Every structure is written in C-alpha cells, then in structure tokens.
Amino acid sequence: MKTTPKFVICIDNNEYPASLELHKIYRALPDKDAEADGDMRIIDESGEDYLFPADYFIPVELPQTVIRVLNKSYAHA
C-alpha cells in the first residue's frame, strides 16, 4: 500500500535558517526511529532529507488537488 506523503509547516528555524524557511510547507518522510527520538525527516531547502526537531513543525492537511500538484513538483525537482 502506498502511503500519502505528509506535509508540515515550519514554525521555528532558529537553529537552521539556511535549511528551513519559516512558515514554508515541507514534505515529511516517514521515519519511525526519528519520530521515537522526537525528530522528523524533512526534505529541506537543499532538496535532500535531513532530521530536524519535530517541534519545529506542525502537520497540515491539504486538499487532494494540492497534494497531487506538490507531489508532481517534487518528482521534477
């Protein structure tokens, strides 16, 4: 079964201003080990996935049309 990507909004970038933009939507990738440690795996400004503190983000529910457009844009990045 294919999982739907999770999207989050950055609410704190104090320690990572070059990697994260405040109030921007980011794609979060599933990572149970990171979540157990209080982190999230995020595709950051470099286009790569890295671990960041989970409390730097809040999850957002987006309409399916927006999710499709975002997923398509990530595929071309």
PDB file of N, CA and C in Angstrom:
ATOM      1  N   MET A   1       0.835  -1.176   0.000  1.00  0.00           N
ATOM      2  CA  MET A   1       0.000   0.000   0.000  1.00  0.00           C
ATOM      3  C   MET A   1       0.884   1.245   0.000  1.00  0.00           C
ATOM      4  N   LYS A   2       0.561   2.190  -0.865  1.00  0.00           N
ATOM      5  CA  LYS A   2       1.318   3.420  -0.984  1.00  0.00           C
ATOM      6  C   LYS A   2       0.859   4.408   0.085  1.00  0.00           C
ATOM      7  N   THR A   3       1.811   4.998   0.821  1.00  0.00           N
ATOM      8  CA  THR A   3       1.434   5.953   1.853  1.00  0.00           C
ATOM      9  C   THR A   3       1.419   7.361   1.266  1.00  0.00           C
ATOM     10  N   THR A   4       0.493   8.159   1.732  1.00  0.00           N
ATOM     11  CA  THR A   4       0.401   9.541   1.295  1.00  0.00           C
ATOM     12  C   THR A   4       1.471  10.349   2.005  1.00  0.00           C
ATOM     13  N   PRO A   5       2.240  11.141   1.259  1.00  0.00           N
ATOM     14  CA  PRO A   5       3.246  11.964   1.913  1.00  0.00           C
ATOM     15  C   PRO A   5       2.596  12.913   2.915  1.00  0.00           C
ATOM     16  N   LYS A   6       3.315  13.211   3.951  1.00  0.00           N
ATOM     17  CA  LYS A   6       2.844  14.103   4.987  1.00  0.00           C
ATOM     18  C   LYS A   6       3.458  15.471   4.732  1.00  0.00           C
ATOM     19  N   PHE A   7       2.673  16.500   4.937  1.00  0.00           N
ATOM     20  CA  PHE A   7       3.171  17.851   4.765  1.00  0.00           C
ATOM     21  C   PHE A   7       3.091  18.589   6.087  1.00  0.00           C
ATOM     22  N   VAL A   8       4.082  19.442   6.320  1.00  0.00           N
ATOM     23  CA  VAL A   8       4.185  20.175   7.569  1.00  0.00           C
ATOM     24  C   VAL A   8       4.553  21.625   7.259  1.00  0.00           C
ATOM     25  N   ILE A   9       4.273  22.513   8.215  1.00  0.00           N
ATOM     26  CA  ILE A   9       4.670  23.905   8.101  1.00  0.00           C
ATOM     27  C   ILE A   9       5.746  24.175   9.142  1.00  0.00           C
ATOM     28  N   CYS A  10       6.809  24.841   8.726  1.00  0.00           N
ATOM     29  CA  CYS A  10       7.900  25.191   9.629  1.00  0.00           C
ATOM     30  C   CYS A  10       7.469  26.360  10.512  1.00  0.00           C
ATOM     31  N   ILE A  11       7.558  26.164  11.832  1.00  0.00           N
ATOM     32  CA  ILE A  11       7.200  27.229  12.775  1.00  0.00           C
ATOM     33  C   ILE A  11       8.407  27.704  13.584  1.00  0.00           C
ATOM     34  N   ASP A  12       9.571  27.116  13.344  1.00  0.00           N
ATOM     35  CA  ASP A  12      10.792  27.521  14.046  1.00  0.00           C
ATOM     36  C   ASP A  12      11.985  27.117  13.194  1.00  0.00           C
ATOM     37  N   ASN A  13      12.819  28.079  12.849  1.00  0.00           N
ATOM     38  CA  ASN A  13      14.027  27.764  12.076  1.00  0.00           C
ATOM     39  C   ASN A  13      15.268  28.402  12.704  1.00  0.00           C
ATOM     40  N   ASN A  14      15.182  28.765  13.977  1.00  0.00           N
ATOM     41  CA  ASN A  14      16.265  29.484  14.653  1.00  0.00           C
ATOM     42  C   ASN A  14      17.628  28.822  14.510  1.00  0.00           C
ATOM     43  N   GLU A  15      17.694  27.519  14.636  1.00  0.00           N
ATOM     44  CA  GLU A  15      18.991  26.835  14.556  1.00  0.00           C
ATOM     45  C   GLU A  15      19.370  26.420  13.134  1.00  0.00           C
ATOM     46  N   TYR A  16      18.432  26.532  12.191  1.00  0.00           N
ATOM     47  CA  TYR A  16      18.688  26.069  10.819  1.00  0.00           C
ATOM     48  C   TYR A  16      18.174  27.074   9.782  1.00  0.00           C
ATOM     49  N   PRO A  17      18.538  28.355   9.865  1.00  0.00           N
ATOM     50  CA  PRO A  17      17.979  29.351   8.942  1.00  0.00           C
ATOM     51  C   PRO A  17      18.346  29.117   7.472  1.00  0.00           C
ATOM     52  N   ALA A  18      19.461  28.466   7.203  1.00  0.00           N
ATOM     53  CA  ALA A  18      19.847  28.189   5.812  1.00  0.00           C
ATOM     54  C   ALA A  18      19.114  26.968   5.257  1.00  0.00           C
ATOM     55  N   SER A  19      18.625  26.103   6.142  1.00  0.00           N
ATOM     56  CA  SER A  19      17.996  24.854   5.715  1.00  0.00           C
ATOM     57  C   SER A  19      16.483  24.905   5.704  1.00  0.00           C
ATOM     58  N   LEU A  20      15.908  25.778   6.544  1.00  0.00           N
ATOM     59  CA  LEU A  20      14.456  25.852   6.692  1.00  0.00           C
ATOM     60  C   LEU A  20      13.976  27.290   6.596  1.00  0.00           C
ATOM     61  N   GLU A  21      12.868  27.491   5.882  1.00  0.00           N
ATOM     62  CA  GLU A  21      12.234  28.803   5.818  1.00  0.00           C
ATOM     63  C   GLU A  21      11.020  28.796   6.728  1.00  0.00           C
ATOM     64  N   LEU A  22      10.925  29.810   7.544  1.00  0.00           N
ATOM     65  CA  LEU A  22       9.799  29.948   8.452  1.00  0.00           C
ATOM     66  C   LEU A  22       8.496  30.061   7.662  1.00  0.00           C
ATOM     67  N   HIS A  23       7.483  29.359   8.093  1.00  0.00           N
ATOM     68  CA  HIS A  23       6.123  29.353   7.527  1.00  0.00           C
ATOM     69  C   HIS A  23       6.016  28.668   6.167  1.00  0.00           C
ATOM     70  N   LYS A  24       7.039  27.972   5.742  1.00  0.00           N
ATOM     71  CA  LYS A  24       7.002  27.256   4.461  1.00  0.00           C
ATOM     72  C   LYS A  24       6.488  25.837   4.669  1.00  0.00           C
ATOM     73  N   ILE A  25       5.813  25.299   3.652  1.00  0.00           N
ATOM     74  CA  ILE A  25       5.349  23.912   3.678  1.00  0.00           C
ATOM     75  C   ILE A  25       6.487  23.010   3.219  1.00  0.00           C
ATOM     76  N   TYR A  26       6.737  21.960   4.002  1.00  0.00           N
ATOM     77  CA  TYR A  26       7.765  20.973   3.676  1.00  0.00           C
ATOM     78  C   TYR A  26       7.148  19.583   3.619  1.00  0.00           C
ATOM     79  N   ARG A  27       7.791  18.725   2.891  1.00  0.00           N
ATOM     80  CA  ARG A  27       7.389  17.322   2.822  1.00  0.00           C
ATOM     81  C   ARG A  27       8.122  16.558   3.918  1.00  0.00           C
ATOM     82  N   ALA A  28       7.375  15.805   4.704  1.00  0.00           N
ATOM     83  CA  ALA A  28       7.954  14.974   5.762  1.00  0.00           C
ATOM     84  C   ALA A  28       7.909  13.522   5.316  1.00  0.00           C
ATOM     85  N   LEU A  29       9.012  12.834   5.492  1.00  0.00           N
ATOM     86  CA  LEU A  29       9.092  11.428   5.114  1.00  0.00           C
ATOM     87  C   LEU A  29       8.940  10.553   6.352  1.00  0.00           C
ATOM     88  N   PRO A  30       8.314   9.395   6.210  1.00  0.00           N
ATOM     89  CA  PRO A  30       8.157   8.506   7.362  1.00  0.00           C
ATOM     90  C   PRO A  30       9.509   8.010   7.868  1.00  0.00           C
ATOM     91  N   ASP A  31       9.683   8.071   9.178  1.00  0.00           N
ATOM     92  CA  ASP A  31      10.911   7.579   9.804  1.00  0.00           C
ATOM     93  C   ASP A  31      10.590   7.303  11.272  1.00  0.00           C
ATOM     94  N   LYS A  32      10.216   6.070  11.553  1.00  0.00           N
ATOM     95  CA  LYS A  32       9.787   5.702  12.913  1.00  0.00           C
ATOM     96  C   LYS A  32      10.891   5.900  13.947  1.00  0.00           C
ATOM     97  N   ASP A  33      12.147   5.617  13.582  1.00  0.00           N
ATOM     98  CA  ASP A  33      13.255   5.818  14.519  1.00  0.00           C
ATOM     99  C   ASP A  33      13.416   7.294  14.866  1.00  0.00           C
ATOM    100  N   ALA A  34      13.326   8.154  13.858  1.00  0.00           N
ATOM    101  CA  ALA A  34      13.442   9.592  14.100  1.00  0.00           C
ATOM    102  C   ALA A  34      12.300  10.076  14.980  1.00  0.00           C
ATOM    103  N   GLU A  35      11.078   9.624  14.678  1.00  0.00           N
ATOM    104  CA  GLU A  35       9.913  10.025  15.468  1.00  0.00           C
ATOM    105  C   GLU A  35      10.055   9.588  16.918  1.00  0.00           C
ATOM    106  N   ALA A  36      10.614   8.409  17.138  1.00  0.00           N
ATOM    107  CA  ALA A  36      10.818   7.915  18.507  1.00  0.00           C
ATOM    108  C   ALA A  36      11.788   8.805  19.273  1.00  0.00           C
ATOM    109  N   ASP A  37      12.701   9.474  18.547  1.00  0.00           N
ATOM    110  CA  ASP A  37      13.677  10.370  19.162  1.00  0.00           C
ATOM    111  C   ASP A  37      13.207  11.826  19.201  1.00  0.00           C
ATOM    112  N   GLY A  38      11.951  12.085  18.742  1.00  0.00           N
ATOM    113  CA  GLY A  38      11.428  13.448  18.749  1.00  0.00           C
ATOM    114  C   GLY A  38      11.832  14.270  17.542  1.00  0.00           C
ATOM    115  N   ASP A  39      12.231  13.580  16.467  1.00  0.00           N
ATOM    116  CA  ASP A  39      12.646  14.272  15.248  1.00  0.00           C
ATOM    117  C   ASP A  39      11.702  13.950  14.094  1.00  0.00           C
ATOM    118  N   MET A  40      11.884  14.689  12.992  1.00  0.00           N
ATOM    119  CA  MET A  40      11.158  14.427  11.749  1.00  0.00           C
ATOM    120  C   MET A  40      12.167  14.443  10.613  1.00  0.00           C
ATOM    121  N   ARG A  41      11.935  13.594   9.627  1.00  0.00           N
ATOM    122  CA  ARG A  41      12.769  13.583   8.424  1.00  0.00           C
ATOM    123  C   ARG A  41      12.068  14.485   7.403  1.00  0.00           C
ATOM    124  N   ILE A  42      12.737  15.585   7.063  1.00  0.00           N
ATOM    125  CA  ILE A  42      12.167  16.635   6.219  1.00  0.00           C
ATOM    126  C   ILE A  42      13.021  16.833   4.980  1.00  0.00           C
ATOM    127  N   ILE A  43      12.380  17.042   3.839  1.00  0.00           N
ATOM    128  CA  ILE A  43      13.107  17.453   2.644  1.00  0.00           C
ATOM    129  C   ILE A  43      13.280  18.961   2.769  1.00  0.00           C
ATOM    130  N   ASP A  44      14.519  19.395   2.993  1.00  0.00           N
ATOM    131  CA  ASP A  44      14.777  20.802   3.290  1.00  0.00           C
ATOM    132  C   ASP A  44      15.102  21.599   2.023  1.00  0.00           C
ATOM    133  N   GLU A  45      15.643  22.798   2.204  1.00  0.00           N
ATOM    134  CA  GLU A  45      15.932  23.698   1.082  1.00  0.00           C
ATOM    135  C   GLU A  45      16.972  23.143   0.120  1.00  0.00           C
ATOM    136  N   SER A  46      17.796  22.212   0.562  1.00  0.00           N
ATOM    137  CA  SER A  46      18.800  21.621  -0.318  1.00  0.00           C
ATOM    138  C   SER A  46      18.188  20.576  -1.254  1.00  0.00           C
ATOM    139  N   GLY A  47      16.939  20.175  -0.947  1.00  0.00           N
ATOM    140  CA  GLY A  47      16.298  19.128  -1.735  1.00  0.00           C
ATOM    141  C   GLY A  47      16.591  17.733  -1.204  1.00  0.00           C
ATOM    142  N   GLU A  48      17.388  17.661  -0.146  1.00  0.00           N
ATOM    143  CA  GLU A  48      17.736  16.388   0.488  1.00  0.00           C
ATOM    144  C   GLU A  48      16.933  16.245   1.772  1.00  0.00           C
ATOM    145  N   ASP A  49      16.828  15.008   2.267  1.00  0.00           N
ATOM    146  CA  ASP A  49      16.111  14.805   3.522  1.00  0.00           C
ATOM    147  C   ASP A  49      17.087  14.744   4.689  1.00  0.00           C
ATOM    148  N   TYR A  50      16.713  15.461   5.745  1.00  0.00           N
ATOM    149  CA  TYR A  50      17.514  15.531   6.961  1.00  0.00           C
ATOM    150  C   TYR A  50      16.592  15.466   8.171  1.00  0.00           C
ATOM    151  N   LEU A  51      17.173  15.175   9.319  1.00  0.00           N
ATOM    152  CA  LEU A  51      16.403  15.150  10.560  1.00  0.00           C
ATOM    153  C   LEU A  51      16.418  16.527  11.217  1.00  0.00           C
ATOM    154  N   PHE A  52      15.240  16.932  11.670  1.00  0.00           N
ATOM    155  CA  PHE A  52      15.073  18.180  12.401  1.00  0.00           C
ATOM    156  C   PHE A  52      14.169  17.898  13.590  1.00  0.00           C
ATOM    157  N   PRO A  53      14.236  18.738  14.631  1.00  0.00           N
ATOM    158  CA  PRO A  53      13.333  18.547  15.771  1.00  0.00           C
ATOM    159  C   PRO A  53      11.862  18.636  15.316  1.00  0.00           C
ATOM    160  N   ALA A  54      11.057  17.683  15.748  1.00  0.00           N
ATOM    161  CA  ALA A  54       9.649  17.631  15.341  1.00  0.00           C
ATOM    162  C   ALA A  54       8.886  18.875  15.789  1.00  0.00           C
ATOM    163  N   ASP A  55       9.300  19.486  16.907  1.00  0.00           N
ATOM    164  CA  ASP A  55       8.562  20.655  17.379  1.00  0.00           C
ATOM    165  C   ASP A  55       8.849  21.913  16.559  1.00  0.00           C
ATOM    166  N   TYR A  56       9.660  21.809  15.519  1.00  0.00           N
ATOM    167  CA  TYR A  56       9.866  22.911  14.572  1.00  0.00           C
ATOM    168  C   TYR A  56       8.754  22.955  13.523  1.00  0.00           C
ATOM    169  N   PHE A  57       7.857  21.979  13.548  1.00  0.00           N
ATOM    170  CA  PHE A  57       6.839  21.841  12.502  1.00  0.00           C
ATOM    171  C   PHE A  57       5.466  21.537  13.082  1.00  0.00           C
ATOM    172  N   ILE A  58       4.443  21.917  12.316  1.00  0.00           N
ATOM    173  CA  ILE A  58       3.093  21.468  12.627  1.00  0.00           C
ATOM    174  C   ILE A  58       2.545  20.794  11.367  1.00  0.00           C
ATOM    175  N   PRO A  59       1.866  19.656  11.533  1.00  0.00           N
ATOM    176  CA  PRO A  59       1.313  18.971  10.365  1.00  0.00           C
ATOM    177  C   PRO A  59       0.146  19.766   9.778  1.00  0.00           C
ATOM    178  N   VAL A  60      -0.029  19.664   8.469  1.00  0.00           N
ATOM    179  CA  VAL A  60      -1.158  20.322   7.818  1.00  0.00           C
ATOM    180  C   VAL A  60      -1.845  19.324   6.919  1.00  0.00           C
ATOM    181  N   GLU A  61      -3.152  19.430   6.877  1.00  0.00           N
ATOM    182  CA  GLU A  61      -3.937  18.606   5.954  1.00  0.00           C
ATOM    183  C   GLU A  61      -4.270  19.476   4.752  1.00  0.00           C
ATOM    184  N   LEU A  62      -3.899  18.991   3.597  1.00  0.00           N
ATOM    185  CA  LEU A  62      -4.104  19.731   2.359  1.00  0.00           C
ATOM    186  C   LEU A  62      -5.131  19.033   1.496  1.00  0.00           C
ATOM    187  N   PRO A  63      -5.842  19.780   0.652  1.00  0.00           N
ATOM    188  CA  PRO A  63      -6.770  19.145  -0.288  1.00  0.00           C
ATOM    189  C   PRO A  63      -6.005  18.221  -1.242  1.00  0.00           C
ATOM    190  N   GLN A  64      -6.664  17.166  -1.687  1.00  0.00           N
ATOM    191  CA  GLN A  64      -6.017  16.194  -2.580  1.00  0.00           C
ATOM    192  C   GLN A  64      -5.460  16.849  -3.840  1.00  0.00           C
ATOM    193  N   THR A  65      -6.125  17.867  -4.366  1.00  0.00           N
ATOM    194  CA  THR A  65      -5.615  18.532  -5.574  1.00  0.00           C
ATOM    195  C   THR A  65      -4.274  19.205  -5.292  1.00  0.00           C
ATOM    196  N   VAL A  66      -4.123  19.803  -4.128  1.00  0.00           N
ATOM    197  CA  VAL A  66      -2.863  20.444  -3.749  1.00  0.00           C
ATOM    198  C   VAL A  66      -1.783  19.387  -3.548  1.00  0.00           C
ATOM    199  N   ILE A  67      -2.123  18.290  -2.906  1.00  0.00           N
ATOM    200  CA  ILE A  67      -1.162  17.201  -2.689  1.00  0.00           C
ATOM    201  C   ILE A  67      -0.665  16.657  -4.027  1.00  0.00           C
ATOM    202  N   ARG A  68      -1.566  16.474  -4.982  1.00  0.00           N
ATOM    203  CA  ARG A  68      -1.161  15.971  -6.308  1.00  0.00           C
ATOM    204  C   ARG A  68      -0.184  16.938  -6.979  1.00  0.00           C
ATOM    205  N   VAL A  69      -0.478  18.238  -6.911  1.00  0.00           N
ATOM    206  CA  VAL A  69       0.403  19.241  -7.522  1.00  0.00           C
ATOM    207  C   VAL A  69       1.761  19.244  -6.830  1.00  0.00           C
ATOM    208  N   LEU A  70       1.781  19.196  -5.502  1.00  0.00           N
ATOM    209  CA  LEU A  70       3.052  19.184  -4.771  1.00  0.00           C
ATOM    210  C   LEU A  70       3.857  17.938  -5.090  1.00  0.00           C
ATOM    211  N   ASN A  71       3.193  16.787  -5.108  1.00  0.00           N
ATOM    212  CA  ASN A  71       3.899  15.543  -5.415  1.00  0.00           C
ATOM    213  C   ASN A  71       4.501  15.586  -6.817  1.00  0.00           C
ATOM    214  N   LYS A  72       3.761  16.150  -7.756  1.00  0.00           N
ATOM    215  CA  LYS A  72       4.246  16.260  -9.120  1.00  0.00           C
ATOM    216  C   LYS A  72       5.472  17.181  -9.167  1.00  0.00           C
ATOM    217  N   SER A  73       5.435  18.276  -8.426  1.00  0.00           N
ATOM    218  CA  SER A  73       6.568  19.209  -8.440  1.00  0.00           C
ATOM    219  C   SER A  73       7.796  18.582  -7.772  1.00  0.00           C
ATOM    220  N   TYR A  74       7.587  17.768  -6.725  1.00  0.00           N
ATOM    221  CA  TYR A  74       8.719  17.068  -6.093  1.00  0.00           C
ATOM    222  C   TYR A  74       9.334  16.058  -7.054  1.00  0.00           C
ATOM    223  N   ALA A  75       8.514  15.440  -7.891  1.00  0.00           N
ATOM    224  CA  ALA A  75       9.010  14.440  -8.833  1.00  0.00           C
ATOM    225  C   ALA A  75       9.944  15.070  -9.877  1.00  0.00           C
ATOM    226  N   HIS A  76       9.723  16.359 -10.152  1.00  0.00           N
ATOM    227  CA  HIS A  76      10.548  17.046 -11.170  1.00  0.00           C
ATOM    228  C   HIS A  76      11.716  17.795 -10.554  1.00  0.00           C
ATOM    229  N   ALA A  77      11.791  17.809  -9.241  1.00  0.00           N
ATOM    230  CA  ALA A  77      12.870  18.565  -8.574  1.00  0.00           C
ATOM    231  C   ALA A  77      14.181  17.819  -8.617  1.00  0.00           C
TER     232      ALA A  77
END
